[in-house]
Structures are given as structure tokens and as C-alpha cells.
Amino acid sequence: MIKVSIMYPYSDKSNFDIDYYCDKHIPMVEKYFGATCQGITVDEGIMDEGTHQLPAFYAMAHFYFESIEAFQDTFAPHAEKIMGDAVNYTNVEPIIQISNIRISIKKGRT
């Protein structure tokens, strides 16, 4: 199984609308990806209250697929619409990483 991570680096000269991202963009992507996508998580970066350190990323989205080919075959037909929606929630250039999942341990509900 692979994980496709889309990470939006924090900058004081950029913006990110997490509500739009979670309420509109991710549901649109989920619809396009269908059952081929085996799971989606979205993380929102928060400030470290102890050190007042700003987060490295506004947000990170993680999409789980059986293989790179499954992701590519699912993403390609919808790439223009998915990427074109970014202007509605950010001016940040994302960092994209594809990873092999080596270990996955789930405890409780999130």
C-alpha cells in the first residue's frame, strides 16, 4: 500500500482556507477517486503553545492507494479539476510525496 501526501508549507506571506479544503475540496477529490482510494486523512498544523513555534505546514492530506499505478490511473483523468480548485483555498505550492507504508498501527478512533 502507498500513501500520497500533499503538504502545504506555512509562510507568513501565504494563506490557506482549511474550512474550504475540508468541506469542499477533499469531498470533491474523494468523489473523483472513488473506491480506488482506500482512505483519506487531513491534518491541520497548529502552533506549539509552549514555544509559540508556528507549524511547518498549514495542512497535510494523505491518500491511501494499493499502488502507485492505482493512484496515477485515478488521478490523471481529474488532475486539471483537482489542481485547478487550489485557487479557492490557497496560494501555497504544495510538496507532494509518495511513500510505501511500512507499518500502520491504529489505536482508538480519530
PDB file of N, CA and C in Angstrom:
ATOM      1  N   MET A   1       0.848  -1.176   0.000  1.00  0.00           N
ATOM      2  CA  MET A   1       0.000   0.000   0.000  1.00  0.00           C
ATOM      3  C   MET A   1       0.890   1.234   0.000  1.00  0.00           C
ATOM      4  N   ILE A   2       0.412   2.289  -0.673  1.00  0.00           N
ATOM      5  CA  ILE A   2       1.153   3.552  -0.707  1.00  0.00           C
ATOM      6  C   ILE A   2       0.312   4.669  -0.100  1.00  0.00           C
ATOM      7  N   LYS A   3       1.020   5.734   0.275  1.00  0.00           N
ATOM      8  CA  LYS A   3       0.362   6.934   0.775  1.00  0.00           C
ATOM      9  C   LYS A   3       0.854   8.112  -0.055  1.00  0.00           C
ATOM     10  N   VAL A   4      -0.078   8.877  -0.591  1.00  0.00           N
ATOM     11  CA  VAL A   4       0.249  10.097  -1.319  1.00  0.00           C
ATOM     12  C   VAL A   4      -0.027  11.253  -0.365  1.00  0.00           C
ATOM     13  N   SER A   5       1.032  11.972  -0.004  1.00  0.00           N
ATOM     14  CA  SER A   5       0.907  13.095   0.931  1.00  0.00           C
ATOM     15  C   SER A   5       1.042  14.403   0.170  1.00  0.00           C
ATOM     16  N   ILE A   6       0.080  15.283   0.387  1.00  0.00           N
ATOM     17  CA  ILE A   6       0.088  16.620  -0.189  1.00  0.00           C
ATOM     18  C   ILE A   6       0.263  17.570   0.992  1.00  0.00           C
ATOM     19  N   MET A   7       1.401  18.274   1.036  1.00  0.00           N
ATOM     20  CA  MET A   7       1.738  19.094   2.205  1.00  0.00           C
ATOM     21  C   MET A   7       1.866  20.555   1.786  1.00  0.00           C
ATOM     22  N   TYR A   8       1.244  21.429   2.553  1.00  0.00           N
ATOM     23  CA  TYR A   8       1.203  22.850   2.251  1.00  0.00           C
ATOM     24  C   TYR A   8       2.042  23.611   3.274  1.00  0.00           C
ATOM     25  N   PRO A   9       3.286  23.995   2.899  1.00  0.00           N
ATOM     26  CA  PRO A   9       4.177  24.663   3.851  1.00  0.00           C
ATOM     27  C   PRO A   9       3.627  25.995   4.336  1.00  0.00           C
ATOM     28  N   TYR A  10       3.834  26.254   5.629  1.00  0.00           N
ATOM     29  CA  TYR A  10       3.398  27.504   6.240  1.00  0.00           C
ATOM     30  C   TYR A  10       4.343  28.629   5.845  1.00  0.00           C
ATOM     31  N   SER A  11       3.786  29.802   5.617  1.00  0.00           N
ATOM     32  CA  SER A  11       4.558  31.011   5.354  1.00  0.00           C
ATOM     33  C   SER A  11       3.705  32.197   5.778  1.00  0.00           C
ATOM     34  N   ASP A  12       4.338  33.214   6.327  1.00  0.00           N
ATOM     35  CA  ASP A  12       3.568  34.392   6.738  1.00  0.00           C
ATOM     36  C   ASP A  12       3.104  35.216   5.535  1.00  0.00           C
ATOM     37  N   LYS A  13       3.542  34.864   4.334  1.00  0.00           N
ATOM     38  CA  LYS A  13       3.129  35.571   3.126  1.00  0.00           C
ATOM     39  C   LYS A  13       2.123  34.761   2.303  1.00  0.00           C
ATOM     40  N   SER A  14       1.583  33.711   2.892  1.00  0.00           N
ATOM     41  CA  SER A  14       0.643  32.867   2.157  1.00  0.00           C
ATOM     42  C   SER A  14      -0.634  32.705   2.965  1.00  0.00           C
ATOM     43  N   ASN A  15      -1.608  32.045   2.349  1.00  0.00           N
ATOM     44  CA  ASN A  15      -2.875  31.813   3.049  1.00  0.00           C
ATOM     45  C   ASN A  15      -3.366  30.409   2.751  1.00  0.00           C
ATOM     46  N   PHE A  16      -4.215  29.930   3.641  1.00  0.00           N
ATOM     47  CA  PHE A  16      -4.785  28.598   3.474  1.00  0.00           C
ATOM     48  C   PHE A  16      -6.131  28.574   4.179  1.00  0.00           C
ATOM     49  N   ASP A  17      -7.190  28.246   3.442  1.00  0.00           N
ATOM     50  CA  ASP A  17      -8.549  28.169   3.985  1.00  0.00           C
ATOM     51  C   ASP A  17      -8.866  26.707   4.299  1.00  0.00           C
ATOM     52  N   ILE A  18      -8.593  26.309   5.540  1.00  0.00           N
ATOM     53  CA  ILE A  18      -8.760  24.909   5.942  1.00  0.00           C
ATOM     54  C   ILE A  18     -10.221  24.472   5.877  1.00  0.00           C
ATOM     55  N   ASP A  19     -11.147  25.382   6.124  1.00  0.00           N
ATOM     56  CA  ASP A  19     -12.566  25.017   6.061  1.00  0.00           C
ATOM     57  C   ASP A  19     -12.982  24.665   4.633  1.00  0.00           C
ATOM     58  N   TYR A  20     -12.585  25.495   3.673  1.00  0.00           N
ATOM     59  CA  TYR A  20     -12.890  25.184   2.274  1.00  0.00           C
ATOM     60  C   TYR A  20     -12.231  23.860   1.892  1.00  0.00           C
ATOM     61  N   TYR A  21     -10.979  23.693   2.294  1.00  0.00           N
ATOM     62  CA  TYR A  21     -10.230  22.483   1.949  1.00  0.00           C
ATOM     63  C   TYR A  21     -10.951  21.228   2.446  1.00  0.00           C
ATOM     64  N   CYS A  22     -11.375  21.253   3.692  1.00  0.00           N
ATOM     65  CA  CYS A  22     -12.029  20.075   4.286  1.00  0.00           C
ATOM     66  C   CYS A  22     -13.480  19.909   3.836  1.00  0.00           C
ATOM     67  N   ASP A  23     -14.194  21.014   3.688  1.00  0.00           N
ATOM     68  CA  ASP A  23     -15.626  20.940   3.393  1.00  0.00           C
ATOM     69  C   ASP A  23     -15.965  20.828   1.909  1.00  0.00           C
ATOM     70  N   LYS A  24     -15.082  21.320   1.036  1.00  0.00           N
ATOM     71  CA  LYS A  24     -15.393  21.327  -0.394  1.00  0.00           C
ATOM     72  C   LYS A  24     -14.356  20.575  -1.239  1.00  0.00           C
ATOM     73  N   HIS A  25     -13.066  20.903  -1.037  1.00  0.00           N
ATOM     74  CA  HIS A  25     -12.035  20.308  -1.900  1.00  0.00           C
ATOM     75  C   HIS A  25     -11.888  18.801  -1.676  1.00  0.00           C
ATOM     76  N   ILE A  26     -11.713  18.383  -0.452  1.00  0.00           N
ATOM     77  CA  ILE A  26     -11.495  16.961  -0.175  1.00  0.00           C
ATOM     78  C   ILE A  26     -12.716  16.115  -0.582  1.00  0.00           C
ATOM     79  N   PRO A  27     -13.955  16.540  -0.295  1.00  0.00           N
ATOM     80  CA  PRO A  27     -15.092  15.749  -0.793  1.00  0.00           C
ATOM     81  C   PRO A  27     -15.117  15.630  -2.320  1.00  0.00           C
ATOM     82  N   MET A  28     -14.704  16.700  -3.027  1.00  0.00           N
ATOM     83  CA  MET A  28     -14.631  16.639  -4.488  1.00  0.00           C
ATOM     84  C   MET A  28     -13.600  15.594  -4.916  1.00  0.00           C
ATOM     85  N   VAL A  29     -12.417  15.629  -4.297  1.00  0.00           N
ATOM     86  CA  VAL A  29     -11.361  14.675  -4.627  1.00  0.00           C
ATOM     87  C   VAL A  29     -11.823  13.251  -4.310  1.00  0.00           C
ATOM     88  N   GLU A  30     -12.464  13.080  -3.172  1.00  0.00           N
ATOM     89  CA  GLU A  30     -12.956  11.750  -2.786  1.00  0.00           C
ATOM     90  C   GLU A  30     -13.934  11.209  -3.837  1.00  0.00           C
ATOM     91  N   LYS A  31     -14.771  12.071  -4.346  1.00  0.00           N
ATOM     92  CA  LYS A  31     -15.727  11.663  -5.379  1.00  0.00           C
ATOM     93  C   LYS A  31     -14.993  11.216  -6.644  1.00  0.00           C
ATOM     94  N   TYR A  32     -14.001  11.970  -7.072  1.00  0.00           N
ATOM     95  CA  TYR A  32     -13.241  11.609  -8.268  1.00  0.00           C
ATOM     96  C   TYR A  32     -12.451  10.319  -8.065  1.00  0.00           C
ATOM     97  N   PHE A  33     -11.876  10.126  -6.891  1.00  0.00           N
ATOM     98  CA  PHE A  33     -11.047   8.948  -6.632  1.00  0.00           C
ATOM     99  C   PHE A  33     -11.874   7.684  -6.427  1.00  0.00           C
ATOM    100  N   GLY A  34     -13.076   7.824  -5.909  1.00  0.00           N
ATOM    101  CA  GLY A  34     -13.958   6.679  -5.726  1.00  0.00           C
ATOM    102  C   GLY A  34     -13.356   5.606  -4.838  1.00  0.00           C
ATOM    103  N   ALA A  35     -13.748   4.371  -5.095  1.00  0.00           N
ATOM    104  CA  ALA A  35     -13.346   3.243  -4.257  1.00  0.00           C
ATOM    105  C   ALA A  35     -11.874   2.884  -4.409  1.00  0.00           C
ATOM    106  N   THR A  36     -11.212   3.388  -5.434  1.00  0.00           N
ATOM    107  CA  THR A  36      -9.785   3.103  -5.614  1.00  0.00           C
ATOM    108  C   THR A  36      -8.966   3.690  -4.471  1.00  0.00           C
ATOM    109  N   CYS A  37      -9.424   4.813  -3.954  1.00  0.00           N
ATOM    110  CA  CYS A  37      -8.759   5.422  -2.797  1.00  0.00           C
ATOM    111  C   CYS A  37      -9.274   4.716  -1.545  1.00  0.00           C
ATOM    112  N   GLN A  38      -8.354   4.148  -0.782  1.00  0.00           N
ATOM    113  CA  GLN A  38      -8.738   3.328   0.357  1.00  0.00           C
ATOM    114  C   GLN A  38      -8.839   4.096   1.663  1.00  0.00           C
ATOM    115  N   GLY A  39      -8.513   5.367   1.649  1.00  0.00           N
ATOM    116  CA  GLY A  39      -8.646   6.186   2.846  1.00  0.00           C
ATOM    117  C   GLY A  39      -8.056   7.566   2.626  1.00  0.00           C
ATOM    118  N   ILE A  40      -8.555   8.514   3.404  1.00  0.00           N
ATOM    119  CA  ILE A  40      -8.083   9.900   3.336  1.00  0.00           C
ATOM    120  C   ILE A  40      -8.014  10.440   4.754  1.00  0.00           C
ATOM    121  N   THR A  41      -6.931  11.141   5.065  1.00  0.00           N
ATOM    122  CA  THR A  41      -6.852  11.898   6.309  1.00  0.00           C
ATOM    123  C   THR A  41      -6.351  13.293   5.981  1.00  0.00           C
ATOM    124  N   VAL A  42      -6.776  14.259   6.772  1.00  0.00           N
ATOM    125  CA  VAL A  42      -6.292  15.631   6.654  1.00  0.00           C
ATOM    126  C   VAL A  42      -5.823  16.074   8.030  1.00  0.00           C
ATOM    127  N   ASP A  43      -4.592  16.589   8.080  1.00  0.00           N
ATOM    128  CA  ASP A  43      -4.025  17.128   9.313  1.00  0.00           C
ATOM    129  C   ASP A  43      -3.930  18.642   9.191  1.00  0.00           C
ATOM    130  N   GLU A  44      -4.296  19.351  10.238  1.00  0.00           N
ATOM    131  CA  GLU A  44      -4.150  20.806  10.279  1.00  0.00           C
ATOM    132  C   GLU A  44      -3.022  21.151  11.237  1.00  0.00           C
ATOM    133  N   GLY A  45      -2.034  21.895  10.747  1.00  0.00           N
ATOM    134  CA  GLY A  45      -0.922  22.325  11.593  1.00  0.00           C
ATOM    135  C   GLY A  45      -1.403  23.325  12.629  1.00  0.00           C
ATOM    136  N   ILE A  46      -0.881  23.197  13.838  1.00  0.00           N
ATOM    137  CA  ILE A  46      -1.234  24.134  14.909  1.00  0.00           C
ATOM    138  C   ILE A  46       0.034  24.679  15.546  1.00  0.00           C
ATOM    139  N   MET A  47      -0.094  25.812  16.178  1.00  0.00           N
ATOM    140  CA  MET A  47       1.043  26.424  16.850  1.00  0.00           C
ATOM    141  C   MET A  47       1.366  25.649  18.120  1.00  0.00           C
ATOM    142  N   ASP A  48       2.648  25.494  18.400  1.00  0.00           N
ATOM    143  CA  ASP A  48       3.099  24.881  19.646  1.00  0.00           C
ATOM    144  C   ASP A  48       2.938  25.921  20.752  1.00  0.00           C
ATOM    145  N   GLU A  49       1.977  25.715  21.626  1.00  0.00           N
ATOM    146  CA  GLU A  49       1.675  26.694  22.677  1.00  0.00           C
ATOM    147  C   GLU A  49       2.851  26.921  23.630  1.00  0.00           C
ATOM    148  N   GLY A  50       3.648  25.884  23.849  1.00  0.00           N
ATOM    149  CA  GLY A  50       4.769  26.013  24.777  1.00  0.00           C
ATOM    150  C   GLY A  50       5.874  26.908  24.257  1.00  0.00           C
ATOM    151  N   THR A  51       6.182  26.780  22.980  1.00  0.00           N
ATOM    152  CA  THR A  51       7.284  27.558  22.400  1.00  0.00           C
ATOM    153  C   THR A  51       6.798  28.654  21.462  1.00  0.00           C
ATOM    154  N   HIS A  52       5.516  28.681  21.193  1.00  0.00           N
ATOM    155  CA  HIS A  52       4.914  29.605  20.233  1.00  0.00           C
ATOM    156  C   HIS A  52       5.524  29.440  18.846  1.00  0.00           C
ATOM    157  N   GLN A  53       5.987  28.230  18.580  1.00  0.00           N
ATOM    158  CA  GLN A  53       6.541  27.880  17.270  1.00  0.00           C
ATOM    159  C   GLN A  53       5.394  27.669  16.288  1.00  0.00           C
ATOM    160  N   LEU A  54       5.460  28.313  15.135  1.00  0.00           N
ATOM    161  CA  LEU A  54       4.438  28.136  14.115  1.00  0.00           C
ATOM    162  C   LEU A  54       4.608  26.780  13.447  1.00  0.00           C
ATOM    163  N   PRO A  55       3.538  26.226  12.905  1.00  0.00           N
ATOM    164  CA  PRO A  55       3.641  24.904  12.284  1.00  0.00           C
ATOM    165  C   PRO A  55       4.473  24.956  11.006  1.00  0.00           C
ATOM    166  N   ALA A  56       5.075  23.843  10.653  1.00  0.00           N
ATOM    167  CA  ALA A  56       5.820  23.748   9.398  1.00  0.00           C
ATOM    168  C   ALA A  56       4.861  23.734   8.206  1.00  0.00           C
ATOM    169  N   PHE A  57       3.663  23.197   8.426  1.00  0.00           N
ATOM    170  CA  PHE A  57       2.682  23.077   7.346  1.00  0.00           C
ATOM    171  C   PHE A  57       1.319  23.570   7.815  1.00  0.00           C
ATOM    172  N   TYR A  58       0.614  24.287   6.916  1.00  0.00           N
ATOM    173  CA  TYR A  58      -0.779  24.643   7.180  1.00  0.00           C
ATOM    174  C   TYR A  58      -1.598  23.370   7.345  1.00  0.00           C
ATOM    175  N   ALA A  59      -1.413  22.483   6.372  1.00  0.00           N
ATOM    176  CA  ALA A  59      -2.199  21.251   6.340  1.00  0.00           C
ATOM    177  C   ALA A  59      -1.462  20.200   5.535  1.00  0.00           C
ATOM    178  N   MET A  60      -1.840  18.944   5.793  1.00  0.00           N
ATOM    179  CA  MET A  60      -1.336  17.811   5.032  1.00  0.00           C
ATOM    180  C   MET A  60      -2.511  16.886   4.774  1.00  0.00           C
ATOM    181  N   ALA A  61      -2.643  16.461   3.536  1.00  0.00           N
ATOM    182  CA  ALA A  61      -3.663  15.472   3.193  1.00  0.00           C
ATOM    183  C   ALA A  61      -2.948  14.193   2.790  1.00  0.00           C
ATOM    184  N   HIS A  62      -3.499  13.068   3.199  1.00  0.00           N
ATOM    185  CA  HIS A  62      -2.895  11.774   2.913  1.00  0.00           C
ATOM    186  C   HIS A  62      -3.951  10.885   2.258  1.00  0.00           C
ATOM    187  N   PHE A  63      -3.595  10.352   1.108  1.00  0.00           N
ATOM    188  CA  PHE A  63      -4.487   9.492   0.330  1.00  0.00           C
ATOM    189  C   PHE A  63      -3.841   8.122   0.220  1.00  0.00           C
ATOM    190  N   TYR A  64      -4.611   7.081   0.476  1.00  0.00           N
ATOM    191  CA  TYR A  64      -4.090   5.720   0.515  1.00  0.00           C
ATOM    192  C   TYR A  64      -4.589   4.920  -0.687  1.00  0.00           C
ATOM    193  N   PHE A  65      -3.631   4.302  -1.386  1.00  0.00           N
ATOM    194  CA  PHE A  65      -3.929   3.507  -2.576  1.00  0.00           C
ATOM    195  C   PHE A  65      -3.169   2.186  -2.517  1.00  0.00           C
ATOM    196  N   GLU A  66      -3.639   1.215  -3.262  1.00  0.00           N
ATOM    197  CA  GLU A  66      -2.980  -0.083  -3.314  1.00  0.00           C
ATOM    198  C   GLU A  66      -1.613   0.003  -3.989  1.00  0.00           C
ATOM    199  N   SER A  67      -1.474   0.905  -4.968  1.00  0.00           N
ATOM    200  CA  SER A  67      -0.208   1.016  -5.702  1.00  0.00           C
ATOM    201  C   SER A  67      -0.072   2.408  -6.321  1.00  0.00           C
ATOM    202  N   ILE A  68       1.132   2.713  -6.775  1.00  0.00           N
ATOM    203  CA  ILE A  68       1.357   3.980  -7.479  1.00  0.00           C
ATOM    204  C   ILE A  68       0.517   4.012  -8.748  1.00  0.00           C
ATOM    205  N   GLU A  69       0.455   2.902  -9.431  1.00  0.00           N
ATOM    206  CA  GLU A  69      -0.332   2.827 -10.678  1.00  0.00           C
ATOM    207  C   GLU A  69      -1.812   3.103 -10.408  1.00  0.00           C
ATOM    208  N   ALA A  70      -2.333   2.565  -9.316  1.00  0.00           N
ATOM    209  CA  ALA A  70      -3.745   2.819  -8.978  1.00  0.00           C
ATOM    210  C   ALA A  70      -3.967   4.307  -8.745  1.00  0.00           C
ATOM    211  N   PHE A  71      -3.034   4.957  -8.052  1.00  0.00           N
ATOM    212  CA  PHE A  71      -3.142   6.402  -7.837  1.00  0.00           C
ATOM    213  C   PHE A  71      -3.080   7.141  -9.170  1.00  0.00           C
ATOM    214  N   GLN A  72      -2.068   6.857  -9.977  1.00  0.00           N
ATOM    215  CA  GLN A  72      -1.890   7.570 -11.242  1.00  0.00           C
ATOM    216  C   GLN A  72      -3.086   7.400 -12.167  1.00  0.00           C
ATOM    217  N   ASP A  73      -3.599   6.182 -12.249  1.00  0.00           N
ATOM    218  CA  ASP A  73      -4.753   5.922 -13.116  1.00  0.00           C
ATOM    219  C   ASP A  73      -6.008   6.648 -12.641  1.00  0.00           C
ATOM    220  N   THR A  74      -6.116   6.837 -11.332  1.00  0.00           N
ATOM    221  CA  THR A  74      -7.278   7.515 -10.759  1.00  0.00           C
ATOM    222  C   THR A  74      -7.136   9.027 -10.833  1.00  0.00           C
ATOM    223  N   PHE A  75      -5.926   9.522 -10.602  1.00  0.00           N
ATOM    224  CA  PHE A  75      -5.681  10.962 -10.562  1.00  0.00           C
ATOM    225  C   PHE A  75      -5.684  11.598 -11.960  1.00  0.00           C
ATOM    226  N   ALA A  76      -5.023  10.960 -12.906  1.00  0.00           N
ATOM    227  CA  ALA A  76      -4.798  11.558 -14.224  1.00  0.00           C
ATOM    228  C   ALA A  76      -6.055  12.122 -14.895  1.00  0.00           C
ATOM    229  N   PRO A  77      -7.169  11.388 -14.930  1.00  0.00           N
ATOM    230  CA  PRO A  77      -8.347  11.931 -15.626  1.00  0.00           C
ATOM    231  C   PRO A  77      -8.949  13.177 -14.969  1.00  0.00           C
ATOM    232  N   HIS A  78      -8.612  13.414 -13.693  1.00  0.00           N
ATOM    233  CA  HIS A  78      -9.218  14.511 -12.945  1.00  0.00           C
ATOM    234  C   HIS A  78      -8.204  15.556 -12.492  1.00  0.00           C
ATOM    235  N   ALA A  79      -6.955  15.407 -12.902  1.00  0.00           N
ATOM    236  CA  ALA A  79      -5.868  16.259 -12.414  1.00  0.00           C
ATOM    237  C   ALA A  79      -6.157  17.742 -12.614  1.00  0.00           C
ATOM    238  N   GLU A  80      -6.633  18.113 -13.768  1.00  0.00           N
ATOM    239  CA  GLU A  80      -6.872  19.529 -14.060  1.00  0.00           C
ATOM    240  C   GLU A  80      -7.914  20.133 -13.121  1.00  0.00           C
ATOM    241  N   LYS A  81      -9.003  19.414 -12.881  1.00  0.00           N
ATOM    242  CA  LYS A  81     -10.054  19.922 -11.986  1.00  0.00           C
ATOM    243  C   LYS A  81      -9.567  19.973 -10.541  1.00  0.00           C
ATOM    244  N   ILE A  82      -8.868  18.927 -10.106  1.00  0.00           N
ATOM    245  CA  ILE A  82      -8.380  18.878  -8.727  1.00  0.00           C
ATOM    246  C   ILE A  82      -7.380  20.000  -8.481  1.00  0.00           C
ATOM    247  N   MET A  83      -6.401  20.118  -9.349  1.00  0.00           N
ATOM    248  CA  MET A  83      -5.371  21.140  -9.158  1.00  0.00           C
ATOM    249  C   MET A  83      -5.922  22.546  -9.405  1.00  0.00           C
ATOM    250  N   GLY A  84      -6.877  22.679 -10.302  1.00  0.00           N
ATOM    251  CA  GLY A  84      -7.470  23.976 -10.590  1.00  0.00           C
ATOM    252  C   GLY A  84      -8.264  24.546  -9.434  1.00  0.00           C
ATOM    253  N   ASP A  85      -8.725  23.692  -8.537  1.00  0.00           N
ATOM    254  CA  ASP A  85      -9.506  24.152  -7.385  1.00  0.00           C
ATOM    255  C   ASP A  85      -8.636  24.816  -6.319  1.00  0.00           C
ATOM    256  N   ALA A  86      -7.332  24.638  -6.395  1.00  0.00           N
ATOM    257  CA  ALA A  86      -6.423  25.169  -5.362  1.00  0.00           C
ATOM    258  C   ALA A  86      -6.579  26.680  -5.165  1.00  0.00           C
ATOM    259  N   VAL A  87      -6.879  27.421  -6.210  1.00  0.00           N
ATOM    260  CA  VAL A  87      -7.024  28.877  -6.074  1.00  0.00           C
ATOM    261  C   VAL A  87      -8.141  29.254  -5.114  1.00  0.00           C
ATOM    262  N   ASN A  88      -9.044  28.323  -4.843  1.00  0.00           N
ATOM    263  CA  ASN A  88     -10.147  28.591  -3.925  1.00  0.00           C
ATOM    264  C   ASN A  88      -9.766  28.437  -2.455  1.00  0.00           C
ATOM    265  N   TYR A  89      -8.612  27.842  -2.161  1.00  0.00           N
ATOM    266  CA  TYR A  89      -8.241  27.655  -0.755  1.00  0.00           C
ATOM    267  C   TYR A  89      -6.815  28.048  -0.404  1.00  0.00           C
ATOM    268  N   THR A  90      -5.944  28.287  -1.396  1.00  0.00           N
ATOM    269  CA  THR A  90      -4.570  28.633  -1.023  1.00  0.00           C
ATOM    270  C   THR A  90      -3.802  29.269  -2.166  1.00  0.00           C
ATOM    271  N   ASN A  91      -2.698  29.912  -1.804  1.00  0.00           N
ATOM    272  CA  ASN A  91      -1.722  30.387  -2.779  1.00  0.00           C
ATOM    273  C   ASN A  91      -0.378  29.688  -2.544  1.00  0.00           C
ATOM    274  N   VAL A  92      -0.413  28.571  -1.836  1.00  0.00           N
ATOM    275  CA  VAL A  92       0.780  27.814  -1.472  1.00  0.00           C
ATOM    276  C   VAL A  92       1.049  26.718  -2.513  1.00  0.00           C
ATOM    277  N   GLU A  93       2.300  26.592  -2.912  1.00  0.00           N
ATOM    278  CA  GLU A  93       2.715  25.490  -3.779  1.00  0.00           C
ATOM    279  C   GLU A  93       2.941  24.267  -2.900  1.00  0.00           C
ATOM    280  N   PRO A  94       2.171  23.199  -3.092  1.00  0.00           N
ATOM    281  CA  PRO A  94       2.304  22.039  -2.201  1.00  0.00           C
ATOM    282  C   PRO A  94       3.561  21.226  -2.479  1.00  0.00           C
ATOM    283  N   ILE A  95       3.964  20.497  -1.459  1.00  0.00           N
ATOM    284  CA  ILE A  95       5.001  19.476  -1.579  1.00  0.00           C
ATOM    285  C   ILE A  95       4.264  18.142  -1.644  1.00  0.00           C
ATOM    286  N   ILE A  96       4.628  17.313  -2.597  1.00  0.00           N
ATOM    287  CA  ILE A  96       3.962  16.025  -2.771  1.00  0.00           C
ATOM    288  C   ILE A  96       4.973  14.913  -2.561  1.00  0.00           C
ATOM    289  N   GLN A  97       4.588  13.951  -1.757  1.00  0.00           N
ATOM    290  CA  GLN A  97       5.444  12.792  -1.519  1.00  0.00           C
ATOM    291  C   GLN A  97       4.619  11.522  -1.609  1.00  0.00           C
ATOM    292  N   ILE A  98       5.165  10.532  -2.287  1.00  0.00           N
ATOM    293  CA  ILE A  98       4.549   9.209  -2.334  1.00  0.00           C
ATOM    294  C   ILE A  98       5.434   8.275  -1.516  1.00  0.00           C
ATOM    295  N   SER A  99       4.813   7.565  -0.594  1.00  0.00           N
ATOM    296  CA  SER A  99       5.556   6.702   0.330  1.00  0.00           C
ATOM    297  C   SER A  99       4.985   5.293   0.331  1.00  0.00           C
ATOM    298  N   ASN A 100       5.855   4.333   0.557  1.00  0.00           N
ATOM    299  CA  ASN A 100       5.407   2.983   0.882  1.00  0.00           C
ATOM    300  C   ASN A 100       5.044   2.965   2.351  1.00  0.00           C
ATOM    301  N   ILE A 101       3.918   2.380   2.681  1.00  0.00           N
ATOM    302  CA  ILE A 101       3.549   2.244   4.093  1.00  0.00           C
ATOM    303  C   ILE A 101       4.209   0.980   4.611  1.00  0.00           C
ATOM    304  N   ARG A 102       5.093   1.154   5.561  1.00  0.00           N
ATOM    305  CA  ARG A 102       5.827   0.018   6.123  1.00  0.00           C
ATOM    306  C   ARG A 102       5.137  -0.533   7.368  1.00  0.00           C
ATOM    307  N   ILE A 103       4.603   0.366   8.178  1.00  0.00           N
ATOM    308  CA  ILE A 103       3.908  -0.035   9.402  1.00  0.00           C
ATOM    309  C   ILE A 103       2.697   0.877   9.562  1.00  0.00           C
ATOM    310  N   SER A 104       1.567   0.302   9.958  1.00  0.00           N
ATOM    311  CA  SER A 104       0.374   1.083  10.261  1.00  0.00           C
ATOM    312  C   SER A 104      -0.273   0.485  11.497  1.00  0.00           C
ATOM    313  N   ILE A 105      -0.281   1.258  12.564  1.00  0.00           N
ATOM    314  CA  ILE A 105      -0.868   0.810  13.827  1.00  0.00           C
ATOM    315  C   ILE A 105      -1.987   1.780  14.170  1.00  0.00           C
ATOM    316  N   LYS A 106      -3.199   1.288  14.309  1.00  0.00           N
ATOM    317  CA  LYS A 106      -4.341   2.134  14.642  1.00  0.00           C
ATOM    318  C   LYS A 106      -4.827   1.771  16.036  1.00  0.00           C
ATOM    319  N   LYS A 107      -4.975   2.783  16.856  1.00  0.00           N
ATOM    320  CA  LYS A 107      -5.488   2.593  18.213  1.00  0.00           C
ATOM    321  C   LYS A 107      -6.597   3.606  18.443  1.00  0.00           C
ATOM    322  N   GLY A 108      -7.748   3.157  18.851  1.00  0.00           N
ATOM    323  CA  GLY A 108      -8.842   4.066  19.132  1.00  0.00           C
ATOM    324  C   GLY A 108      -9.391   4.698  17.878  1.00  0.00           C
ATOM    325  N   ARG A 109     -10.207   5.695  18.078  1.00  0.00           N
ATOM    326  CA  ARG A 109     -10.840   6.406  16.962  1.00  0.00           C
ATOM    327  C   ARG A 109     -10.295   7.811  16.876  1.00  0.00           C
ATOM    328  N   THR A 110     -10.177   8.330  15.656  1.00  0.00           N
ATOM    329  CA  THR A 110      -9.774   9.720  15.442  1.00  0.00           C
ATOM    330  C   THR A 110     -10.758  10.399  14.546  1.00  0.00           C
TER     331      THR A 110
END
